[in-house]
């Protein structure tokens, strides 16, 4: 999470994260935090674990969006391969092996891209991107090992567990690592954000590596900063009457978690949406400001792609669900 905002330092109501033996009471919310939580078998142990499953992603047709389909392909593609695509709609033009592409000179590369433009009737100046496979990074089986723990850590802090699973799927799903911006841990927290919510980060210890304390900080950030700021932005646009468990709202909060609410506000005010729905999110994918660029535009696309991929891995996609056939007796009634 490449997120830093100075307003964090003005908060006076932050409390230290609970100790491992402390009792946490979740505050009242407008909806049941466990409404989307189901039980599924763990990949390795086969023991039952909590999993967040919501059908909105299918009901709203997100699985048919070209951008989402593209990122699903990238998530399953080996790092030795890459896809040529158009940046606006992520239409896949061709696939190549990285070594073969790097073996071409500048003239050959230019000629190949021109041939793609001709083949797909694109404008001569149309931009074509080459995106490498990321299957090594999006290790969802490894990431899912932390779903149960993250879901319950968020619920204990009174936060929608959908966010826990979404963050674990895309921020650091294969291993603990540090981003170029300095974010670290399963929830990719910046140092100052972690410290603000009571985590120790110094030369000797970095509690961002502690899953439960990091989960507390991430859920507190969402509860005390991201959600309230997102509501304020929507209020300023005159958007009301929504539910906070609607998919578009959750995705917008995720954008605030990643890019910062101030940058999300600036992006939204370039097109001033009048309604809260998925069209707001889709428009945000094509909106660019100084601090809201490609990585920010792609963020909710990655969330949706990961949701669909993980659902399939747990055999929860609609086409994988087995519907028991009606008996002859019930069919005659």
C-alpha atoms as a PDB file:
ATOM      1  CA  UNK A   1       0.000   0.000   0.000  1.00  0.00           C
ATOM      2  CA  UNK A   2       1.612   3.199  -1.160  1.00  0.00           C
ATOM      3  CA  UNK A   3      -0.224   5.392   1.326  1.00  0.00           C
ATOM      4  CA  UNK A   4       0.879   8.404   3.344  1.00  0.00           C
ATOM      5  CA  UNK A   5      -1.246  11.330   4.478  1.00  0.00           C
ATOM      6  CA  UNK A   6      -0.309  13.977   7.037  1.00  0.00           C
ATOM      7  CA  UNK A   7      -3.810  14.200   8.488  1.00  0.00           C
ATOM      8  CA  UNK A   8      -3.198  10.941  10.315  1.00  0.00           C
ATOM      9  CA  UNK A   9      -1.019  12.739  12.835  1.00  0.00           C
ATOM     10  CA  UNK A  10      -3.901  14.961  13.973  1.00  0.00           C
ATOM     11  CA  UNK A  11      -6.039  12.091  15.250  1.00  0.00           C
ATOM     12  CA  UNK A  12      -6.503  12.003  19.025  1.00  0.00           C
ATOM     13  CA  UNK A  13      -8.700   8.960  19.437  1.00  0.00           C
ATOM     14  CA  UNK A  14      -6.286   6.204  18.438  1.00  0.00           C
ATOM     15  CA  UNK A  15      -5.696   3.469  21.015  1.00  0.00           C
ATOM     16  CA  UNK A  16      -2.878   0.973  21.186  1.00  0.00           C
ATOM     17  CA  UNK A  17      -3.450  -2.434  19.606  1.00  0.00           C
ATOM     18  CA  UNK A  18      -4.740  -5.052  22.017  1.00  0.00           C
ATOM     19  CA  UNK A  19      -2.368  -7.574  23.540  1.00  0.00           C
ATOM     20  CA  UNK A  20      -2.764 -11.150  22.393  1.00  0.00           C
ATOM     21  CA  UNK A  21      -4.706 -12.000  25.579  1.00  0.00           C
ATOM     22  CA  UNK A  22      -6.917  -8.902  25.582  1.00  0.00           C
ATOM     23  CA  UNK A  23     -10.672  -9.009  24.994  1.00  0.00           C
ATOM     24  CA  UNK A  24     -11.870  -6.925  22.080  1.00  0.00           C
ATOM     25  CA  UNK A  25     -15.484  -5.829  21.782  1.00  0.00           C
ATOM     26  CA  UNK A  26     -16.628  -5.045  18.261  1.00  0.00           C
ATOM     27  CA  UNK A  27     -18.748  -1.877  17.983  1.00  0.00           C
ATOM     28  CA  UNK A  28     -22.228  -1.958  16.468  1.00  0.00           C
ATOM     29  CA  UNK A  29     -22.313  -1.640  12.668  1.00  0.00           C
ATOM     30  CA  UNK A  30     -25.093  -1.076  10.158  1.00  0.00           C
ATOM     31  CA  UNK A  31     -24.870  -4.686   8.960  1.00  0.00           C
ATOM     32  CA  UNK A  32     -23.849  -8.078  10.281  1.00  0.00           C
ATOM     33  CA  UNK A  33     -20.083  -8.344   9.866  1.00  0.00           C
ATOM     34  CA  UNK A  34     -20.410 -12.091   9.374  1.00  0.00           C
ATOM     35  CA  UNK A  35     -23.135 -11.940   6.738  1.00  0.00           C
ATOM     36  CA  UNK A  36     -20.710 -12.919   3.927  1.00  0.00           C
ATOM     37  CA  UNK A  37     -18.536 -15.268   6.013  1.00  0.00           C
ATOM     38  CA  UNK A  38     -18.853 -18.949   5.183  1.00  0.00           C
ATOM     39  CA  UNK A  39     -16.869 -22.036   6.160  1.00  0.00           C
ATOM     40  CA  UNK A  40     -14.637 -23.798   3.624  1.00  0.00           C
ATOM     41  CA  UNK A  41     -11.903 -26.459   3.887  1.00  0.00           C
ATOM     42  CA  UNK A  42      -8.304 -25.304   4.055  1.00  0.00           C
ATOM     43  CA  UNK A  43      -6.261 -26.310   0.974  1.00  0.00           C
ATOM     44  CA  UNK A  44      -3.588 -28.153   2.953  1.00  0.00           C
ATOM     45  CA  UNK A  45      -5.116 -29.225   6.260  1.00  0.00           C
ATOM     46  CA  UNK A  46      -8.732 -29.599   5.039  1.00  0.00           C
ATOM     47  CA  UNK A  47      -9.795 -28.074   8.353  1.00  0.00           C
ATOM     48  CA  UNK A  48     -12.717 -25.656   8.170  1.00  0.00           C
ATOM     49  CA  UNK A  49     -11.744 -21.987   7.887  1.00  0.00           C
ATOM     50  CA  UNK A  50     -13.629 -18.719   7.524  1.00  0.00           C
ATOM     51  CA  UNK A  51     -13.918 -17.320   4.011  1.00  0.00           C
ATOM     52  CA  UNK A  52     -15.677 -14.204   2.712  1.00  0.00           C
ATOM     53  CA  UNK A  53     -17.946 -15.005  -0.220  1.00  0.00           C
ATOM     54  CA  UNK A  54     -20.193 -12.374  -1.810  1.00  0.00           C
ATOM     55  CA  UNK A  55     -22.227 -12.864  -4.979  1.00  0.00           C
ATOM     56  CA  UNK A  56     -22.295  -9.177  -5.983  1.00  0.00           C
ATOM     57  CA  UNK A  57     -19.220  -9.603  -8.162  1.00  0.00           C
ATOM     58  CA  UNK A  58     -21.219 -12.003 -10.364  1.00  0.00           C
ATOM     59  CA  UNK A  59     -24.582 -10.265 -10.120  1.00  0.00           C
ATOM     60  CA  UNK A  60     -23.012  -7.029 -11.356  1.00  0.00           C
ATOM     61  CA  UNK A  61     -21.201  -8.757 -14.229  1.00  0.00           C
ATOM     62  CA  UNK A  62     -17.720  -7.878 -13.017  1.00  0.00           C
ATOM     63  CA  UNK A  63     -16.483 -11.257 -14.242  1.00  0.00           C
ATOM     64  CA  UNK A  64     -17.233 -10.171 -17.828  1.00  0.00           C
ATOM     65  CA  UNK A  65     -15.329  -6.868 -17.717  1.00  0.00           C
ATOM     66  CA  UNK A  66     -12.320  -6.881 -20.138  1.00  0.00           C
ATOM     67  CA  UNK A  67     -10.084  -5.180 -17.558  1.00  0.00           C
ATOM     68  CA  UNK A  68     -10.865  -7.820 -14.949  1.00  0.00           C
ATOM     69  CA  UNK A  69     -10.450 -10.685 -17.425  1.00  0.00           C
ATOM     70  CA  UNK A  70      -7.053  -9.265 -18.392  1.00  0.00           C
ATOM     71  CA  UNK A  71      -5.759  -9.149 -14.815  1.00  0.00           C
ATOM     72  CA  UNK A  72      -6.999 -12.672 -14.180  1.00  0.00           C
ATOM     73  CA  UNK A  73      -4.884 -13.799 -17.137  1.00  0.00           C
ATOM     74  CA  UNK A  74      -1.864 -11.937 -15.745  1.00  0.00           C
ATOM     75  CA  UNK A  75      -2.378 -13.517 -12.310  1.00  0.00           C
ATOM     76  CA  UNK A  76      -2.181 -16.981 -13.873  1.00  0.00           C
ATOM     77  CA  UNK A  77       0.587 -16.230 -16.386  1.00  0.00           C
ATOM     78  CA  UNK A  78       4.190 -17.341 -15.747  1.00  0.00           C
ATOM     79  CA  UNK A  79       6.748 -14.557 -15.340  1.00  0.00           C
ATOM     80  CA  UNK A  80       8.553 -15.754 -18.491  1.00  0.00           C
ATOM     81  CA  UNK A  81       5.571 -14.675 -20.603  1.00  0.00           C
ATOM     82  CA  UNK A  82       3.796 -11.377 -21.225  1.00  0.00           C
ATOM     83  CA  UNK A  83       0.654 -10.023 -22.898  1.00  0.00           C
ATOM     84  CA  UNK A  84       0.445  -7.171 -25.393  1.00  0.00           C
ATOM     85  CA  UNK A  85      -2.610  -5.086 -24.536  1.00  0.00           C
ATOM     86  CA  UNK A  86      -4.289  -1.717 -24.956  1.00  0.00           C
ATOM     87  CA  UNK A  87      -4.223   0.395 -21.772  1.00  0.00           C
ATOM     88  CA  UNK A  88      -7.775   1.772 -21.968  1.00  0.00           C
ATOM     89  CA  UNK A  89      -9.730  -1.492 -21.986  1.00  0.00           C
ATOM     90  CA  UNK A  90      -6.901  -3.997 -21.458  1.00  0.00           C
ATOM     91  CA  UNK A  91      -7.856  -5.781 -24.655  1.00  0.00           C
ATOM     92  CA  UNK A  92      -5.364  -8.647 -25.140  1.00  0.00           C
ATOM     93  CA  UNK A  93      -3.665  -8.434 -28.538  1.00  0.00           C
ATOM     94  CA  UNK A  94      -0.977 -11.093 -28.368  1.00  0.00           C
ATOM     95  CA  UNK A  95       1.195 -13.205 -26.084  1.00  0.00           C
ATOM     96  CA  UNK A  96       4.988 -13.401 -26.174  1.00  0.00           C
ATOM     97  CA  UNK A  97       7.900 -14.994 -24.378  1.00  0.00           C
ATOM     98  CA  UNK A  98       9.994 -12.402 -22.551  1.00  0.00           C
ATOM     99  CA  UNK A  99      13.323 -13.714 -23.857  1.00  0.00           C
ATOM    100  CA  UNK A 100      12.081 -13.676 -27.455  1.00  0.00           C
ATOM    101  CA  UNK A 101      10.853 -10.105 -27.116  1.00  0.00           C
ATOM    102  CA  UNK A 102      14.030  -8.870 -25.448  1.00  0.00           C
ATOM    103  CA  UNK A 103      16.031 -10.474 -28.256  1.00  0.00           C
ATOM    104  CA  UNK A 104      14.486  -8.121 -30.823  1.00  0.00           C
ATOM    105  CA  UNK A 105      16.059  -4.766 -31.681  1.00  0.00           C
ATOM    106  CA  UNK A 106      14.155  -1.468 -31.541  1.00  0.00           C
ATOM    107  CA  UNK A 107      13.152  -1.599 -35.203  1.00  0.00           C
ATOM    108  CA  UNK A 108      11.802  -5.137 -34.911  1.00  0.00           C
ATOM    109  CA  UNK A 109       9.814  -4.254 -31.802  1.00  0.00           C
ATOM    110  CA  UNK A 110       8.331  -1.195 -33.496  1.00  0.00           C
ATOM    111  CA  UNK A 111       7.454  -3.243 -36.568  1.00  0.00           C
ATOM    112  CA  UNK A 112       5.706  -5.897 -34.476  1.00  0.00           C
ATOM    113  CA  UNK A 113       3.605  -3.331 -32.626  1.00  0.00           C
ATOM    114  CA  UNK A 114       2.653  -1.737 -35.955  1.00  0.00           C
ATOM    115  CA  UNK A 115       1.495  -5.141 -37.172  1.00  0.00           C
ATOM    116  CA  UNK A 116      -0.724  -5.453 -34.082  1.00  0.00           C
ATOM    117  CA  UNK A 117      -2.224  -2.031 -34.779  1.00  0.00           C
ATOM    118  CA  UNK A 118      -2.982  -3.070 -38.347  1.00  0.00           C
ATOM    119  CA  UNK A 119      -4.426  -6.414 -37.271  1.00  0.00           C
ATOM    120  CA  UNK A 120      -6.779  -4.853 -34.709  1.00  0.00           C
ATOM    121  CA  UNK A 121      -7.531  -1.700 -36.769  1.00  0.00           C
ATOM    122  CA  UNK A 122      -5.994   0.573 -34.156  1.00  0.00           C
ATOM    123  CA  UNK A 123      -4.881   4.136 -34.728  1.00  0.00           C
ATOM    124  CA  UNK A 124      -1.241   4.524 -35.775  1.00  0.00           C
ATOM    125  CA  UNK A 125      -0.519   6.352 -32.520  1.00  0.00           C
ATOM    126  CA  UNK A 126      -2.413   3.874 -30.309  1.00  0.00           C
ATOM    127  CA  UNK A 127      -0.390   2.915 -27.242  1.00  0.00           C
ATOM    128  CA  UNK A 128       0.361  -0.782 -26.756  1.00  0.00           C
ATOM    129  CA  UNK A 129       1.585  -2.093 -23.417  1.00  0.00           C
ATOM    130  CA  UNK A 130       3.467  -5.268 -22.568  1.00  0.00           C
ATOM    131  CA  UNK A 131       2.540  -6.696 -19.164  1.00  0.00           C
ATOM    132  CA  UNK A 132       4.519  -9.538 -17.593  1.00  0.00           C
ATOM    133  CA  UNK A 133       2.948 -12.598 -15.981  1.00  0.00           C
ATOM    134  CA  UNK A 134       2.573 -12.439 -12.190  1.00  0.00           C
ATOM    135  CA  UNK A 135       1.663 -15.976 -11.171  1.00  0.00           C
ATOM    136  CA  UNK A 136       4.728 -16.073  -8.887  1.00  0.00           C
ATOM    137  CA  UNK A 137       3.341 -13.095  -6.944  1.00  0.00           C
ATOM    138  CA  UNK A 138      -0.357 -13.980  -6.783  1.00  0.00           C
ATOM    139  CA  UNK A 139       0.020 -17.195  -4.811  1.00  0.00           C
ATOM    140  CA  UNK A 140      -3.564 -17.411  -3.586  1.00  0.00           C
ATOM    141  CA  UNK A 141      -3.173 -20.801  -1.926  1.00  0.00           C
ATOM    142  CA  UNK A 142      -0.432 -19.372   0.284  1.00  0.00           C
ATOM    143  CA  UNK A 143      -2.372 -16.155   0.887  1.00  0.00           C
ATOM    144  CA  UNK A 144      -5.521 -18.065   1.844  1.00  0.00           C
ATOM    145  CA  UNK A 145      -3.722 -19.593   4.824  1.00  0.00           C
ATOM    146  CA  UNK A 146      -4.166 -16.213   6.539  1.00  0.00           C
ATOM    147  CA  UNK A 147      -7.797 -15.575   5.558  1.00  0.00           C
ATOM    148  CA  UNK A 148      -9.344 -17.088   8.695  1.00  0.00           C
ATOM    149  CA  UNK A 149      -7.035 -15.178  11.014  1.00  0.00           C
ATOM    150  CA  UNK A 150      -7.368 -11.881   9.134  1.00  0.00           C
ATOM    151  CA  UNK A 151     -11.156 -12.133   8.883  1.00  0.00           C
ATOM    152  CA  UNK A 152     -11.513 -12.650  12.615  1.00  0.00           C
ATOM    153  CA  UNK A 153      -8.955  -9.952  13.490  1.00  0.00           C
ATOM    154  CA  UNK A 154     -10.960  -7.429  11.479  1.00  0.00           C
ATOM    155  CA  UNK A 155     -14.278  -8.541  12.974  1.00  0.00           C
ATOM    156  CA  UNK A 156     -12.774  -8.250  16.472  1.00  0.00           C
ATOM    157  CA  UNK A 157     -11.975  -4.618  15.659  1.00  0.00           C
ATOM    158  CA  UNK A 158     -15.484  -4.021  14.300  1.00  0.00           C
ATOM    159  CA  UNK A 159     -14.401  -3.832  10.658  1.00  0.00           C
ATOM    160  CA  UNK A 160     -15.945  -5.469   7.589  1.00  0.00           C
ATOM    161  CA  UNK A 161     -13.866  -8.657   7.049  1.00  0.00           C
ATOM    162  CA  UNK A 162     -14.273  -8.278   3.262  1.00  0.00           C
ATOM    163  CA  UNK A 163     -11.398  -5.776   3.474  1.00  0.00           C
ATOM    164  CA  UNK A 164      -9.134  -8.229   5.274  1.00  0.00           C
ATOM    165  CA  UNK A 165      -9.484 -10.857   2.578  1.00  0.00           C
ATOM    166  CA  UNK A 166      -9.179  -8.309  -0.247  1.00  0.00           C
ATOM    167  CA  UNK A 167      -5.944  -6.864   1.149  1.00  0.00           C
ATOM    168  CA  UNK A 168      -4.419 -10.273   1.820  1.00  0.00           C
ATOM    169  CA  UNK A 169      -5.171 -11.337  -1.760  1.00  0.00           C
ATOM    170  CA  UNK A 170      -3.322  -8.525  -3.531  1.00  0.00           C
ATOM    171  CA  UNK A 171      -0.915  -6.685  -1.246  1.00  0.00           C
ATOM    172  CA  UNK A 172       1.566  -9.400  -0.261  1.00  0.00           C
ATOM    173  CA  UNK A 173       0.015 -12.761  -1.209  1.00  0.00           C
ATOM    174  CA  UNK A 174       3.181 -14.793  -1.690  1.00  0.00           C
ATOM    175  CA  UNK A 175       5.497 -13.681   1.134  1.00  0.00           C
ATOM    176  CA  UNK A 176       6.344 -10.833   3.485  1.00  0.00           C
ATOM    177  CA  UNK A 177       8.110  -8.198   1.451  1.00  0.00           C
ATOM    178  CA  UNK A 178       8.798  -4.480   1.351  1.00  0.00           C
ATOM    179  CA  UNK A 179       7.463  -2.310  -1.459  1.00  0.00           C
ATOM    180  CA  UNK A 180       9.488   0.351  -3.244  1.00  0.00           C
ATOM    181  CA  UNK A 181       7.635   2.952  -1.191  1.00  0.00           C
ATOM    182  CA  UNK A 182       8.576   1.227   2.090  1.00  0.00           C
ATOM    183  CA  UNK A 183       5.296  -0.537   2.886  1.00  0.00           C
ATOM    184  CA  UNK A 184       5.776  -3.877   4.640  1.00  0.00           C
ATOM    185  CA  UNK A 185       3.903  -6.835   6.071  1.00  0.00           C
ATOM    186  CA  UNK A 186       0.838  -8.819   5.100  1.00  0.00           C
ATOM    187  CA  UNK A 187      -1.186  -5.604   4.988  1.00  0.00           C
ATOM    188  CA  UNK A 188       1.580  -3.479   3.416  1.00  0.00           C
ATOM    189  CA  UNK A 189       1.623  -0.666   5.968  1.00  0.00           C
ATOM    190  CA  UNK A 190       3.895   2.344   5.804  1.00  0.00           C
ATOM    191  CA  UNK A 191       6.050   2.998   8.878  1.00  0.00           C
ATOM    192  CA  UNK A 192       4.238   6.137   9.991  1.00  0.00           C
ATOM    193  CA  UNK A 193       0.807   4.538   9.607  1.00  0.00           C
ATOM    194  CA  UNK A 194       1.912   1.505  11.635  1.00  0.00           C
ATOM    195  CA  UNK A 195       3.359   3.701  14.386  1.00  0.00           C
ATOM    196  CA  UNK A 196       0.221   5.828  14.481  1.00  0.00           C
ATOM    197  CA  UNK A 197      -1.815   2.784  15.414  1.00  0.00           C
ATOM    198  CA  UNK A 198       0.600   1.660  18.105  1.00  0.00           C
ATOM    199  CA  UNK A 199       2.966  -0.685  16.291  1.00  0.00           C
ATOM    200  CA  UNK A 200       6.680  -0.615  17.100  1.00  0.00           C
ATOM    201  CA  UNK A 201       8.836   0.082  14.067  1.00  0.00           C
ATOM    202  CA  UNK A 202      12.488   0.875  14.742  1.00  0.00           C
ATOM    203  CA  UNK A 203      15.993  -0.474  14.146  1.00  0.00           C
ATOM    204  CA  UNK A 204      15.390  -3.450  16.424  1.00  0.00           C
ATOM    205  CA  UNK A 205      11.792  -4.462  15.818  1.00  0.00           C
ATOM    206  CA  UNK A 206       9.198  -4.113  13.098  1.00  0.00           C
ATOM    207  CA  UNK A 207       5.767  -5.214  14.277  1.00  0.00           C
ATOM    208  CA  UNK A 208       4.396  -4.934  10.763  1.00  0.00           C
ATOM    209  CA  UNK A 209       5.686  -8.502  10.469  1.00  0.00           C
ATOM    210  CA  UNK A 210       3.405  -9.504  13.366  1.00  0.00           C
ATOM    211  CA  UNK A 211       0.210 -10.603  11.627  1.00  0.00           C
ATOM    212  CA  UNK A 212      -2.329  -9.816  14.357  1.00  0.00           C
ATOM    213  CA  UNK A 213      -0.912  -6.422  15.280  1.00  0.00           C
ATOM    214  CA  UNK A 214      -0.562  -5.512  11.612  1.00  0.00           C
ATOM    215  CA  UNK A 215      -4.180  -6.600  11.049  1.00  0.00           C
ATOM    216  CA  UNK A 216      -5.232  -4.365  13.939  1.00  0.00           C
ATOM    217  CA  UNK A 217      -3.440  -1.378  12.408  1.00  0.00           C
ATOM    218  CA  UNK A 218      -4.846  -2.023   8.922  1.00  0.00           C
ATOM    219  CA  UNK A 219      -8.402  -2.472  10.178  1.00  0.00           C
ATOM    220  CA  UNK A 220      -8.083   0.659  12.332  1.00  0.00           C
ATOM    221  CA  UNK A 221      -6.837   2.611   9.329  1.00  0.00           C
ATOM    222  CA  UNK A 222      -9.892   1.505   7.353  1.00  0.00           C
ATOM    223  CA  UNK A 223     -12.306   2.170  10.223  1.00  0.00           C
ATOM    224  CA  UNK A 224     -10.938   5.527  11.376  1.00  0.00           C
ATOM    225  CA  UNK A 225      -9.586   7.030   8.168  1.00  0.00           C
ATOM    226  CA  UNK A 226     -10.562   5.314   4.926  1.00  0.00           C
ATOM    227  CA  UNK A 227     -14.277   4.748   5.494  1.00  0.00           C
ATOM    228  CA  UNK A 228     -15.001   8.135   7.162  1.00  0.00           C
ATOM    229  CA  UNK A 229     -13.018   9.997   4.484  1.00  0.00           C
ATOM    230  CA  UNK A 230     -14.755   8.074   1.707  1.00  0.00           C
ATOM    231  CA  UNK A 231     -18.136   8.987   3.215  1.00  0.00           C
ATOM    232  CA  UNK A 232     -17.073  12.643   3.361  1.00  0.00           C
ATOM    233  CA  UNK A 233     -16.107  12.595  -0.313  1.00  0.00           C
ATOM    234  CA  UNK A 234     -19.457  11.095  -1.287  1.00  0.00           C
ATOM    235  CA  UNK A 235     -21.298  13.628   0.888  1.00  0.00           C
ATOM    236  CA  UNK A 236     -19.493  16.478  -0.891  1.00  0.00           C
ATOM    237  CA  UNK A 237     -20.649  15.020  -4.217  1.00  0.00           C
ATOM    238  CA  UNK A 238     -24.225  14.720  -2.971  1.00  0.00           C
ATOM    239  CA  UNK A 239     -24.181  10.920  -3.145  1.00  0.00           C
ATOM    240  CA  UNK A 240     -26.355   9.404  -0.412  1.00  0.00           C
ATOM    241  CA  UNK A 241     -28.627   6.443   0.236  1.00  0.00           C
ATOM    242  CA  UNK A 242     -25.999   3.746  -0.194  1.00  0.00           C
ATOM    243  CA  UNK A 243     -25.085   0.752   1.949  1.00  0.00           C
ATOM    244  CA  UNK A 244     -21.490   0.329   3.075  1.00  0.00           C
ATOM    245  CA  UNK A 245     -21.470  -3.352   2.133  1.00  0.00           C
ATOM    246  CA  UNK A 246     -22.192  -2.556  -1.531  1.00  0.00           C
ATOM    247  CA  UNK A 247     -19.348  -3.680  -3.767  1.00  0.00           C
ATOM    248  CA  UNK A 248     -18.673  -0.261  -5.332  1.00  0.00           C
ATOM    249  CA  UNK A 249     -18.342   1.363  -1.876  1.00  0.00           C
ATOM    250  CA  UNK A 250     -15.955  -1.313  -0.681  1.00  0.00           C
ATOM    251  CA  UNK A 251     -13.828  -0.872  -3.811  1.00  0.00           C
ATOM    252  CA  UNK A 252     -13.783   2.899  -3.349  1.00  0.00           C
ATOM    253  CA  UNK A 253     -12.580   2.439   0.244  1.00  0.00           C
ATOM    254  CA  UNK A 254      -9.850   0.168  -1.088  1.00  0.00           C
ATOM    255  CA  UNK A 255      -8.749   2.956  -3.427  1.00  0.00           C
ATOM    256  CA  UNK A 256      -8.491   5.242  -0.383  1.00  0.00           C
ATOM    257  CA  UNK A 257      -6.458   2.578   1.416  1.00  0.00           C
ATOM    258  CA  UNK A 258      -4.032   2.396  -1.488  1.00  0.00           C
ATOM    259  CA  UNK A 259      -3.796   5.912  -2.914  1.00  0.00           C
ATOM    260  CA  UNK A 260      -5.000   8.023   0.011  1.00  0.00           C
ATOM    261  CA  UNK A 261      -8.440   9.633   0.336  1.00  0.00           C
ATOM    262  CA  UNK A 262      -7.155  13.037  -0.820  1.00  0.00           C
ATOM    263  CA  UNK A 263      -5.961  11.617  -4.123  1.00  0.00           C
ATOM    264  CA  UNK A 264      -9.190   9.658  -4.586  1.00  0.00           C
ATOM    265  CA  UNK A 265     -11.170  12.852  -3.964  1.00  0.00           C
ATOM    266  CA  UNK A 266      -9.216  14.747  -6.626  1.00  0.00           C
ATOM    267  CA  UNK A 267      -9.765  11.937  -9.111  1.00  0.00           C
ATOM    268  CA  UNK A 268     -13.514  11.776  -8.436  1.00  0.00           C
ATOM    269  CA  UNK A 269     -13.906  15.531  -8.731  1.00  0.00           C
ATOM    270  CA  UNK A 270     -12.521  15.446 -12.269  1.00  0.00           C
ATOM    271  CA  UNK A 271     -15.758  13.784 -13.413  1.00  0.00           C
ATOM    272  CA  UNK A 272     -18.082  14.440 -10.430  1.00  0.00           C
ATOM    273  CA  UNK A 273     -20.239  11.292 -10.275  1.00  0.00           C
ATOM    274  CA  UNK A 274     -23.851  11.838  -9.217  1.00  0.00           C
ATOM    275  CA  UNK A 275     -24.655   8.281  -8.137  1.00  0.00           C
ATOM    276  CA  UNK A 276     -22.972   5.571  -6.134  1.00  0.00           C
ATOM    277  CA  UNK A 277     -22.670   2.468  -8.284  1.00  0.00           C
ATOM    278  CA  UNK A 278     -20.163   0.420 -10.253  1.00  0.00           C
ATOM    279  CA  UNK A 279     -20.113   3.047 -13.023  1.00  0.00           C
ATOM    280  CA  UNK A 280     -18.300   5.298 -10.566  1.00  0.00           C
ATOM    281  CA  UNK A 281     -15.602   2.648 -10.194  1.00  0.00           C
ATOM    282  CA  UNK A 282     -15.414   1.943 -13.929  1.00  0.00           C
ATOM    283  CA  UNK A 283     -14.945   5.652 -14.672  1.00  0.00           C
ATOM    284  CA  UNK A 284     -12.248   5.843 -12.009  1.00  0.00           C
ATOM    285  CA  UNK A 285     -10.323   3.193 -13.967  1.00  0.00           C
ATOM    286  CA  UNK A 286      -9.908   5.696 -16.801  1.00  0.00           C
ATOM    287  CA  UNK A 287      -9.319   8.794 -14.665  1.00  0.00           C
ATOM    288  CA  UNK A 288      -5.823  10.177 -14.204  1.00  0.00           C
ATOM    289  CA  UNK A 289      -4.506  12.990 -12.034  1.00  0.00           C
ATOM    290  CA  UNK A 290      -0.999  13.879 -10.889  1.00  0.00           C
ATOM    291  CA  UNK A 291      -1.152  11.456  -7.945  1.00  0.00           C
ATOM    292  CA  UNK A 292      -3.748   9.008  -9.279  1.00  0.00           C
ATOM    293  CA  UNK A 293      -2.160   7.174 -12.167  1.00  0.00           C
ATOM    294  CA  UNK A 294      -1.835   3.636 -13.511  1.00  0.00           C
ATOM    295  CA  UNK A 295      -1.206   1.808 -10.214  1.00  0.00           C
ATOM    296  CA  UNK A 296      -4.154   3.580  -8.602  1.00  0.00           C
ATOM    297  CA  UNK A 297      -6.445   2.980 -11.580  1.00  0.00           C
ATOM    298  CA  UNK A 298      -5.570  -0.709 -11.596  1.00  0.00           C
ATOM    299  CA  UNK A 299      -6.076  -1.281  -7.875  1.00  0.00           C
ATOM    300  CA  UNK A 300      -9.773  -2.170  -7.764  1.00  0.00           C
ATOM    301  CA  UNK A 301      -9.382  -4.116 -11.019  1.00  0.00           C
ATOM    302  CA  UNK A 302      -6.842  -6.301  -9.220  1.00  0.00           C
ATOM    303  CA  UNK A 303      -9.191  -6.695  -6.262  1.00  0.00           C
ATOM    304  CA  UNK A 304     -12.007  -7.912  -8.518  1.00  0.00           C
ATOM    305  CA  UNK A 305      -9.705 -10.229 -10.461  1.00  0.00           C
ATOM    306  CA  UNK A 306      -8.339 -11.708  -7.238  1.00  0.00           C
ATOM    307  CA  UNK A 307     -11.851 -12.172  -5.818  1.00  0.00           C
ATOM    308  CA  UNK A 308     -12.859 -14.189  -8.871  1.00  0.00           C
ATOM    309  CA  UNK A 309      -9.665 -16.232  -8.916  1.00  0.00           C
ATOM    310  CA  UNK A 310      -9.903 -17.096  -5.229  1.00  0.00           C
ATOM    311  CA  UNK A 311     -13.591 -17.995  -5.536  1.00  0.00           C
ATOM    312  CA  UNK A 312     -12.689 -20.445  -8.300  1.00  0.00           C
ATOM    313  CA  UNK A 313      -9.863 -21.954  -6.270  1.00  0.00           C
ATOM    314  CA  UNK A 314     -12.360 -22.648  -3.498  1.00  0.00           C
ATOM    315  CA  UNK A 315     -14.878 -23.895  -6.120  1.00  0.00           C
ATOM    316  CA  UNK A 316     -17.359 -21.158  -5.264  1.00  0.00           C
ATOM    317  CA  UNK A 317     -17.830 -19.690  -8.748  1.00  0.00           C
ATOM    318  CA  UNK A 318     -21.417 -20.107 -10.088  1.00  0.00           C
ATOM    319  CA  UNK A 319     -20.346 -22.532 -12.818  1.00  0.00           C
ATOM    320  CA  UNK A 320     -18.664 -24.730 -10.198  1.00  0.00           C
ATOM    321  CA  UNK A 321     -21.598 -24.968  -7.812  1.00  0.00           C
ATOM    322  CA  UNK A 322     -23.401 -28.287  -7.998  1.00  0.00           C
ATOM    323  CA  UNK A 323     -27.183 -27.973  -7.996  1.00  0.00           C
ATOM    324  CA  UNK A 324     -28.934 -31.072  -6.766  1.00  0.00           C
ATOM    325  CA  UNK A 325     -31.446 -32.323  -9.380  1.00  0.00           C
ATOM    326  CA  UNK A 326     -35.067 -32.451  -8.315  1.00  0.00           C
ATOM    327  CA  UNK A 327     -36.492 -35.884  -7.623  1.00  0.00           C
ATOM    328  CA  UNK A 328     -39.254 -37.172  -9.901  1.00  0.00           C
ATOM    329  CA  UNK A 329     -41.783 -36.880  -7.079  1.00  0.00           C
ATOM    330  CA  UNK A 330     -40.982 -33.234  -6.335  1.00  0.00           C
ATOM    331  CA  UNK A 331     -40.912 -32.418 -10.049  1.00  0.00           C
ATOM    332  CA  UNK A 332     -44.478 -33.725 -10.445  1.00  0.00           C
ATOM    333  CA  UNK A 333     -45.813 -31.632  -7.585  1.00  0.00           C
END
